[in-house]
PDB file of all heavy atoms in Angstrom:
ATOM      1  N   ARG A   1       0.839  -1.278   0.004  1.00  0.00           N
ATOM      2  CA  ARG A   1       0.000   0.027  -0.005  1.00  0.00           C
ATOM      3  C   ARG A   1       0.917   1.227   0.076  1.00  0.00           C
ATOM      4  O   ARG A   1       1.913   1.191   0.362  1.00  0.00           O
ATOM      5  CB  ARG A   1      -0.858   0.061   1.269  1.00  0.00           C
ATOM      6  CG  ARG A   1      -1.919  -1.147   1.291  1.00  0.00           C
ATOM      7  CD  ARG A   1      -3.058  -0.807   0.297  1.00  0.00           C
ATOM      8  NE  ARG A   1      -3.759   0.431   0.740  1.00  0.00           N
ATOM      9  CZ  ARG A   1      -4.722   0.540   1.673  1.00  0.00           C
ATOM     10  NH1 ARG A   1      -5.162  -0.494   2.297  1.00  0.00           N
ATOM     11  NH2 ARG A   1      -5.276   1.686   1.910  1.00  0.00           N
ATOM     12  N   THR A   2       0.320   2.357  -0.402  1.00  0.00           N
ATOM     13  CA  THR A   2       1.001   3.647  -0.434  1.00  0.00           C
ATOM     14  C   THR A   2       0.214   4.531   0.456  1.00  0.00           C
ATOM     15  O   THR A   2      -0.913   4.446   0.747  1.00  0.00           O
ATOM     16  CB  THR A   2       1.133   4.234  -1.817  1.00  0.00           C
ATOM     17  OG1 THR A   2      -0.183   4.369  -2.402  1.00  0.00           O
ATOM     18  CG2 THR A   2       2.057   3.402  -2.647  1.00  0.00           C
ATOM     19  N   GLY A   3       0.869   5.623   0.934  1.00  0.00           N
ATOM     20  CA  GLY A   3       0.325   6.630   1.794  1.00  0.00           C
ATOM     21  C   GLY A   3       1.190   7.805   1.777  1.00  0.00           C
ATOM     22  O   GLY A   3       2.128   7.913   1.049  1.00  0.00           O
ATOM     23  N   ARG A   4       0.780   8.838   2.435  1.00  0.00           N
ATOM     24  CA  ARG A   4       1.469  10.065   2.625  1.00  0.00           C
ATOM     25  C   ARG A   4       1.581  10.545   4.071  1.00  0.00           C
ATOM     26  O   ARG A   4       0.758  10.170   4.845  1.00  0.00           O
ATOM     27  CB  ARG A   4       0.764  11.207   1.781  1.00  0.00           C
ATOM     28  CG  ARG A   4       0.725  10.829   0.214  1.00  0.00           C
ATOM     29  CD  ARG A   4       0.307  12.086  -0.641  1.00  0.00           C
ATOM     30  NE  ARG A   4       0.411  11.767  -1.929  1.00  0.00           N
ATOM     31  CZ  ARG A   4       1.396  11.942  -2.755  1.00  0.00           C
ATOM     32  NH1 ARG A   4       2.471  12.549  -2.137  1.00  0.00           N
ATOM     33  NH2 ARG A   4       1.421  11.593  -4.080  1.00  0.00           N
ATOM     34  N   VAL A   5       2.669  11.166   4.342  1.00  0.00           N
ATOM     35  CA  VAL A   5       2.973  11.501   5.783  1.00  0.00           C
ATOM     36  C   VAL A   5       1.877  12.628   5.999  1.00  0.00           C
ATOM     37  O   VAL A   5       1.782  13.751   5.365  1.00  0.00           O
ATOM     38  CB  VAL A   5       4.366  12.220   5.880  1.00  0.00           C
ATOM     39  CG1 VAL A   5       4.546  12.901   7.261  1.00  0.00           C
ATOM     40  CG2 VAL A   5       5.437  11.144   5.544  1.00  0.00           C
ATOM     41  N   LEU A   6       1.120  12.331   7.084  1.00  0.00           N
ATOM     42  CA  LEU A   6       0.061  13.206   7.504  1.00  0.00           C
ATOM     43  C   LEU A   6       0.691  14.225   8.441  1.00  0.00           C
ATOM     44  O   LEU A   6       0.335  15.561   8.319  1.00  0.00           O
ATOM     45  CB  LEU A   6      -1.076  12.561   8.161  1.00  0.00           C
ATOM     46  CG  LEU A   6      -2.283  13.290   8.664  1.00  0.00           C
ATOM     47  CD1 LEU A   6      -2.887  13.969   7.347  1.00  0.00           C
ATOM     48  CD2 LEU A   6      -3.349  12.363   9.294  1.00  0.00           C
ATOM     49  N   ARG A   7       1.433  13.951   9.350  1.00  0.00           N
ATOM     50  CA  ARG A   7       1.915  14.841  10.512  1.00  0.00           C
ATOM     51  C   ARG A   7       3.075  14.089  11.176  1.00  0.00           C
ATOM     52  O   ARG A   7       3.089  12.849  11.145  1.00  0.00           O
ATOM     53  CB  ARG A   7       0.904  15.286  11.421  1.00  0.00           C
ATOM     54  CG  ARG A   7       0.403  14.228  12.328  1.00  0.00           C
ATOM     55  CD  ARG A   7      -0.535  14.785  13.392  1.00  0.00           C
ATOM     56  NE  ARG A   7      -1.104  13.757  14.314  1.00  0.00           N
ATOM     57  CZ  ARG A   7      -2.166  12.919  14.006  1.00  0.00           C
ATOM     58  NH1 ARG A   7      -2.716  13.141  12.739  1.00  0.00           N
ATOM     59  NH2 ARG A   7      -2.541  12.093  14.826  1.00  0.00           N
ATOM     60  N   ILE A   8       3.956  14.882  11.750  1.00  0.00           N
ATOM     61  CA  ILE A   8       5.068  14.480  12.529  1.00  0.00           C
ATOM     62  C   ILE A   8       4.844  14.856  14.000  1.00  0.00           C
ATOM     63  O   ILE A   8       4.743  16.072  14.246  1.00  0.00           O
ATOM     64  CB  ILE A   8       6.405  14.982  11.970  1.00  0.00           C
ATOM     65  CG1 ILE A   8       6.535  14.501  10.496  1.00  0.00           C
ATOM     66  CG2 ILE A   8       7.594  14.517  12.771  1.00  0.00           C
ATOM     67  CD1 ILE A   8       7.785  15.209   9.842  1.00  0.00           C
ATOM     68  N   GLU A   9       4.779  13.879  14.789  1.00  0.00           N
ATOM     69  CA  GLU A   9       4.453  14.156  16.336  1.00  0.00           C
ATOM     70  C   GLU A   9       5.593  15.177  16.793  1.00  0.00           C
ATOM     71  O   GLU A   9       6.835  14.993  16.517  1.00  0.00           O
ATOM     72  CB  GLU A   9       4.351  13.052  17.130  1.00  0.00           C
ATOM     73  CG  GLU A   9       3.382  12.070  16.770  1.00  0.00           C
ATOM     74  CD  GLU A   9       1.882  12.607  17.037  1.00  0.00           C
ATOM     75  OE1 GLU A   9       1.950  13.697  17.698  1.00  0.00           O
ATOM     76  OE2 GLU A   9       0.859  12.067  16.479  1.00  0.00           O
ATOM     77  N   PRO A  10       5.332  16.163  17.551  1.00  0.00           N
ATOM     78  CA  PRO A  10       6.341  17.140  18.135  1.00  0.00           C
ATOM     79  C   PRO A  10       7.168  16.636  19.353  1.00  0.00           C
ATOM     80  O   PRO A  10       7.820  17.331  19.938  1.00  0.00           O
ATOM     81  CB  PRO A  10       5.517  18.437  18.472  1.00  0.00           C
ATOM     82  CG  PRO A  10       4.219  17.696  18.879  1.00  0.00           C
ATOM     83  CD  PRO A  10       3.939  16.650  17.970  1.00  0.00           C
ATOM     84  N   VAL A  11       6.698  15.513  19.938  1.00  0.00           N
ATOM     85  CA  VAL A  11       7.325  14.879  21.129  1.00  0.00           C
ATOM     86  C   VAL A  11       7.996  13.606  20.806  1.00  0.00           C
ATOM     87  O   VAL A  11       7.437  12.752  20.140  1.00  0.00           O
ATOM     88  CB  VAL A  11       6.309  14.682  22.128  1.00  0.00           C
ATOM     89  CG1 VAL A  11       6.785  14.212  23.471  1.00  0.00           C
ATOM     90  CG2 VAL A  11       5.502  16.064  22.375  1.00  0.00           C
ATOM     91  N   ALA A  12       9.151  13.459  21.256  1.00  0.00           N
ATOM     92  CA  ALA A  12      10.032  12.204  21.152  1.00  0.00           C
ATOM     93  C   ALA A  12       9.866  11.300  22.267  1.00  0.00           C
ATOM     94  O   ALA A  12       9.426  11.780  23.451  1.00  0.00           O
ATOM     95  CB  ALA A  12      11.400  12.533  20.884  1.00  0.00           C
ATOM     96  N   PHE A  13      10.192  10.057  22.278  1.00  0.00           N
ATOM     97  CA  PHE A  13      10.190   9.114  23.381  1.00  0.00           C
ATOM     98  C   PHE A  13      11.226   8.200  23.273  1.00  0.00           C
ATOM     99  O   PHE A  13      11.941   7.974  22.205  1.00  0.00           O
ATOM    100  CB  PHE A  13       8.735   8.375  23.283  1.00  0.00           C
ATOM    101  CG  PHE A  13       8.538   7.369  22.071  1.00  0.00           C
ATOM    102  CD1 PHE A  13       8.989   6.182  22.064  1.00  0.00           C
ATOM    103  CD2 PHE A  13       8.087   8.064  20.818  1.00  0.00           C
ATOM    104  CE1 PHE A  13       8.764   5.341  20.976  1.00  0.00           C
ATOM    105  CE2 PHE A  13       7.881   7.284  19.745  1.00  0.00           C
ATOM    106  CZ  PHE A  13       8.259   5.921  19.785  1.00  0.00           C
ATOM    107  N   THR A  14      11.605   7.574  24.318  1.00  0.00           N
ATOM    108  CA  THR A  14      12.723   6.664  24.463  1.00  0.00           C
ATOM    109  C   THR A  14      12.202   5.284  24.077  1.00  0.00           C
ATOM    110  O   THR A  14      11.410   4.784  24.679  1.00  0.00           O
ATOM    111  CB  THR A  14      13.437   6.701  25.866  1.00  0.00           C
ATOM    112  OG1 THR A  14      13.751   8.057  26.169  1.00  0.00           O
ATOM    113  CG2 THR A  14      14.668   5.802  26.026  1.00  0.00           C
ATOM    114  N   LYS A  15      13.055   4.613  23.285  1.00  0.00           N
ATOM    115  CA  LYS A  15      12.781   3.225  22.892  1.00  0.00           C
ATOM    116  C   LYS A  15      14.067   2.429  22.893  1.00  0.00           C
ATOM    117  O   LYS A  15      15.109   2.896  22.280  1.00  0.00           O
ATOM    118  CB  LYS A  15      12.210   3.181  21.421  1.00  0.00           C
ATOM    119  CG  LYS A  15      11.708   1.870  20.996  1.00  0.00           C
ATOM    120  CD  LYS A  15      11.059   1.861  19.652  1.00  0.00           C
ATOM    121  CE  LYS A  15      10.585   0.444  19.180  1.00  0.00           C
ATOM    122  NZ  LYS A  15       9.922   0.468  17.834  1.00  0.00           N
ATOM    123  N   VAL A  16      14.064   1.347  23.396  1.00  0.00           N
ATOM    124  CA  VAL A  16      15.193   0.368  23.528  1.00  0.00           C
ATOM    125  C   VAL A  16      15.289  -0.621  22.298  1.00  0.00           C
ATOM    126  O   VAL A  16      14.261  -1.218  22.008  1.00  0.00           O
ATOM    127  CB  VAL A  16      15.168  -0.595  24.701  1.00  0.00           C
ATOM    128  CG1 VAL A  16      16.386  -1.300  24.813  1.00  0.00           C
ATOM    129  CG2 VAL A  16      15.124   0.389  25.914  1.00  0.00           C
ATOM    130  N   SER A  17      16.374  -0.510  21.605  1.00  0.00           N
ATOM    131  CA  SER A  17      16.475  -1.268  20.331  1.00  0.00           C
ATOM    132  C   SER A  17      16.686  -2.649  20.520  1.00  0.00           C
ATOM    133  O   SER A  17      16.941  -3.135  21.785  1.00  0.00           O
ATOM    134  CB  SER A  17      17.562  -0.639  19.471  1.00  0.00           C
ATOM    135  OG  SER A  17      18.914  -0.894  20.134  1.00  0.00           O
ATOM    136  N   ALA A  18      16.773  -3.615  19.500  1.00  0.00           N
ATOM    137  CA  ALA A  18      17.118  -4.890  19.755  1.00  0.00           C
ATOM    138  C   ALA A  18      18.458  -5.090  20.210  1.00  0.00           C
ATOM    139  O   ALA A  18      18.680  -6.330  20.882  1.00  0.00           O
ATOM    140  CB  ALA A  18      16.771  -5.708  18.383  1.00  0.00           C
ATOM    141  N   LEU A  19      19.443  -4.156  20.183  1.00  0.00           N
ATOM    142  CA  LEU A  19      20.776  -4.285  20.708  1.00  0.00           C
ATOM    143  C   LEU A  19      20.844  -3.848  22.143  1.00  0.00           C
ATOM    144  O   LEU A  19      21.942  -3.691  22.711  1.00  0.00           O
ATOM    145  CB  LEU A  19      21.722  -3.595  19.794  1.00  0.00           C
ATOM    146  CG  LEU A  19      21.818  -4.123  18.232  1.00  0.00           C
ATOM    147  CD1 LEU A  19      22.804  -3.318  17.507  1.00  0.00           C
ATOM    148  CD2 LEU A  19      22.236  -5.696  18.269  1.00  0.00           C
ATOM    149  N   GLY A  20      19.696  -3.343  22.773  1.00  0.00           N
ATOM    150  CA  GLY A  20      19.721  -2.809  23.960  1.00  0.00           C
ATOM    151  C   GLY A  20      20.065  -1.477  24.228  1.00  0.00           C
ATOM    152  O   GLY A  20      20.440  -0.996  25.222  1.00  0.00           O
ATOM    153  N   ILE A  21      20.119  -0.653  23.026  1.00  0.00           N
ATOM    154  CA  ILE A  21      20.568   0.787  23.079  1.00  0.00           C
ATOM    155  C   ILE A  21      19.291   1.722  23.125  1.00  0.00           C
ATOM    156  O   ILE A  21      18.358   1.478  22.421  1.00  0.00           O
ATOM    157  CB  ILE A  21      21.317   1.050  21.765  1.00  0.00           C
ATOM    158  CG1 ILE A  21      22.543   0.175  21.634  1.00  0.00           C
ATOM    159  CG2 ILE A  21      21.664   2.508  21.729  1.00  0.00           C
ATOM    160  CD1 ILE A  21      23.244   0.275  20.300  1.00  0.00           C
ATOM    161  N   GLN A  22      19.377   2.580  24.011  1.00  0.00           N
ATOM    162  CA  GLN A  22      18.206   3.610  24.145  1.00  0.00           C
ATOM    163  C   GLN A  22      18.364   4.496  23.034  1.00  0.00           C
ATOM    164  O   GLN A  22      19.292   5.262  22.751  1.00  0.00           O
ATOM    165  CB  GLN A  22      18.195   4.261  25.489  1.00  0.00           C
ATOM    166  CG  GLN A  22      17.950   3.295  26.719  1.00  0.00           C
ATOM    167  CD  GLN A  22      17.834   4.093  27.915  1.00  0.00           C
ATOM    168  OE1 GLN A  22      18.253   5.292  27.980  1.00  0.00           O
ATOM    169  NE2 GLN A  22      17.318   3.457  29.014  1.00  0.00           N
ATOM    170  N   GLU A  23      17.278   4.724  22.286  1.00  0.00           N
ATOM    171  CA  GLU A  23      17.086   5.630  21.071  1.00  0.00           C
ATOM    172  C   GLU A  23      15.918   6.532  21.413  1.00  0.00           C
ATOM    173  O   GLU A  23      14.897   6.148  22.010  1.00  0.00           O
ATOM    174  CB  GLU A  23      16.904   4.819  19.876  1.00  0.00           C
ATOM    175  CG  GLU A  23      17.969   3.894  19.656  1.00  0.00           C
ATOM    176  CD  GLU A  23      17.630   3.038  18.361  1.00  0.00           C
ATOM    177  OE1 GLU A  23      16.399   3.001  18.055  1.00  0.00           O
ATOM    178  OE2 GLU A  23      18.515   2.475  17.768  1.00  0.00           O
ATOM    179  N   GLN A  24      16.124   7.784  20.878  1.00  0.00           N
ATOM    180  CA  GLN A  24      15.033   8.671  20.965  1.00  0.00           C
ATOM    181  C   GLN A  24      14.214   8.704  19.611  1.00  0.00           C
ATOM    182  O   GLN A  24      14.845   8.868  18.509  1.00  0.00           O
ATOM    183  CB  GLN A  24      15.493  10.147  21.154  1.00  0.00           C
ATOM    184  CG  GLN A  24      16.108  10.375  22.465  1.00  0.00           C
ATOM    185  CD  GLN A  24      15.167  10.114  23.682  1.00  0.00           C
ATOM    186  OE1 GLN A  24      15.271   9.098  24.492  1.00  0.00           O
ATOM    187  NE2 GLN A  24      14.180  10.868  23.733  1.00  0.00           N
ATOM    188  N   ARG A  25      12.878   8.332  19.696  1.00  0.00           N
ATOM    189  CA  ARG A  25      12.127   8.129  18.472  1.00  0.00           C
ATOM    190  C   ARG A  25      11.032   9.106  18.351  1.00  0.00           C
ATOM    191  O   ARG A  25      10.561   9.676  19.476  1.00  0.00           O
ATOM    192  CB  ARG A  25      11.639   6.616  18.534  1.00  0.00           C
ATOM    193  CG  ARG A  25      12.693   5.612  18.370  1.00  0.00           C
ATOM    194  CD  ARG A  25      12.827   5.241  16.970  1.00  0.00           C
ATOM    195  NE  ARG A  25      13.994   4.149  16.839  1.00  0.00           N
ATOM    196  CZ  ARG A  25      14.262   3.635  15.633  1.00  0.00           C
ATOM    197  NH1 ARG A  25      13.451   3.913  14.589  1.00  0.00           N
ATOM    198  NH2 ARG A  25      15.395   2.792  15.456  1.00  0.00           N
ATOM    199  N   VAL A  26      10.586   9.384  17.144  1.00  0.00           N
ATOM    200  CA  VAL A  26       9.523  10.268  16.918  1.00  0.00           C
ATOM    201  C   VAL A  26       8.451   9.516  16.172  1.00  0.00           C
ATOM    202  O   VAL A  26       8.784   8.732  15.162  1.00  0.00           O
ATOM    203  CB  VAL A  26       9.917  11.547  16.185  1.00  0.00           C
ATOM    204  CG1 VAL A  26       8.738  12.463  15.986  1.00  0.00           C
ATOM    205  CG2 VAL A  26      11.016  12.284  17.057  1.00  0.00           C
ATOM    206  N   GLN A  27       7.270   9.642  16.435  1.00  0.00           N
ATOM    207  CA  GLN A  27       6.166   9.088  15.581  1.00  0.00           C
ATOM    208  C   GLN A  27       5.759   9.847  14.371  1.00  0.00           C
ATOM    209  O   GLN A  27       5.396  11.048  14.514  1.00  0.00           O
ATOM    210  CB  GLN A  27       4.969   8.749  16.495  1.00  0.00           C
ATOM    211  CG  GLN A  27       5.229   7.649  17.499  1.00  0.00           C
ATOM    212  CD  GLN A  27       3.873   7.176  18.261  1.00  0.00           C
ATOM    213  OE1 GLN A  27       2.852   7.959  18.294  1.00  0.00           O
ATOM    214  NE2 GLN A  27       3.875   6.087  18.874  1.00  0.00           N
ATOM    215  N   VAL A  28       5.745   9.220  13.303  1.00  0.00           N
ATOM    216  CA  VAL A  28       5.415   9.815  11.989  1.00  0.00           C
ATOM    217  C   VAL A  28       4.049   9.240  11.676  1.00  0.00           C
ATOM    218  O   VAL A  28       3.955   7.992  11.329  1.00  0.00           O
ATOM    219  CB  VAL A  28       6.404   9.677  10.850  1.00  0.00           C
ATOM    220  CG1 VAL A  28       5.901  10.245   9.621  1.00  0.00           C
ATOM    221  CG2 VAL A  28       7.671  10.313  11.364  1.00  0.00           C
ATOM    222  N   VAL A  29       2.980  10.047  11.514  1.00  0.00           N
ATOM    223  CA  VAL A  29       1.643   9.497  11.192  1.00  0.00           C
ATOM    224  C   VAL A  29       1.437   9.399   9.732  1.00  0.00           C
ATOM    225  O   VAL A  29       1.777  10.501   9.056  1.00  0.00           O
ATOM    226  CB  VAL A  29       0.482  10.265  11.883  1.00  0.00           C
ATOM    227  CG1 VAL A  29      -0.828   9.739  11.601  1.00  0.00           C
ATOM    228  CG2 VAL A  29       0.695  10.397  13.418  1.00  0.00           C
ATOM    229  N   VAL A  30       1.053   8.428   9.118  1.00  0.00           N
ATOM    230  CA  VAL A  30       0.936   8.144   7.703  1.00  0.00           C
ATOM    231  C   VAL A  30      -0.635   7.970   7.354  1.00  0.00           C
ATOM    232  O   VAL A  30      -1.181   6.984   8.009  1.00  0.00           O
ATOM    233  CB  VAL A  30       1.798   7.119   7.090  1.00  0.00           C
ATOM    234  CG1 VAL A  30       1.576   6.859   5.621  1.00  0.00           C
ATOM    235  CG2 VAL A  30       3.276   7.350   7.441  1.00  0.00           C
ATOM    236  N   ALA A  31      -1.146   8.788   6.461  1.00  0.00           N
ATOM    237  CA  ALA A  31      -2.526   8.399   5.943  1.00  0.00           C
ATOM    238  C   ALA A  31      -2.511   7.607   4.833  1.00  0.00           C
ATOM    239  O   ALA A  31      -1.780   7.758   3.791  1.00  0.00           O
ATOM    240  CB  ALA A  31      -3.104   9.809   5.587  1.00  0.00           C
TER     241      ALA A  31
END
């Protein structure tokens, strides 16, 4: 399927990767 970026959230959050590294991630909402 295809879509388009609707908005980019202004707040980041911490997510632990598969290697155990803490990363700052941002949610991109796609319509």
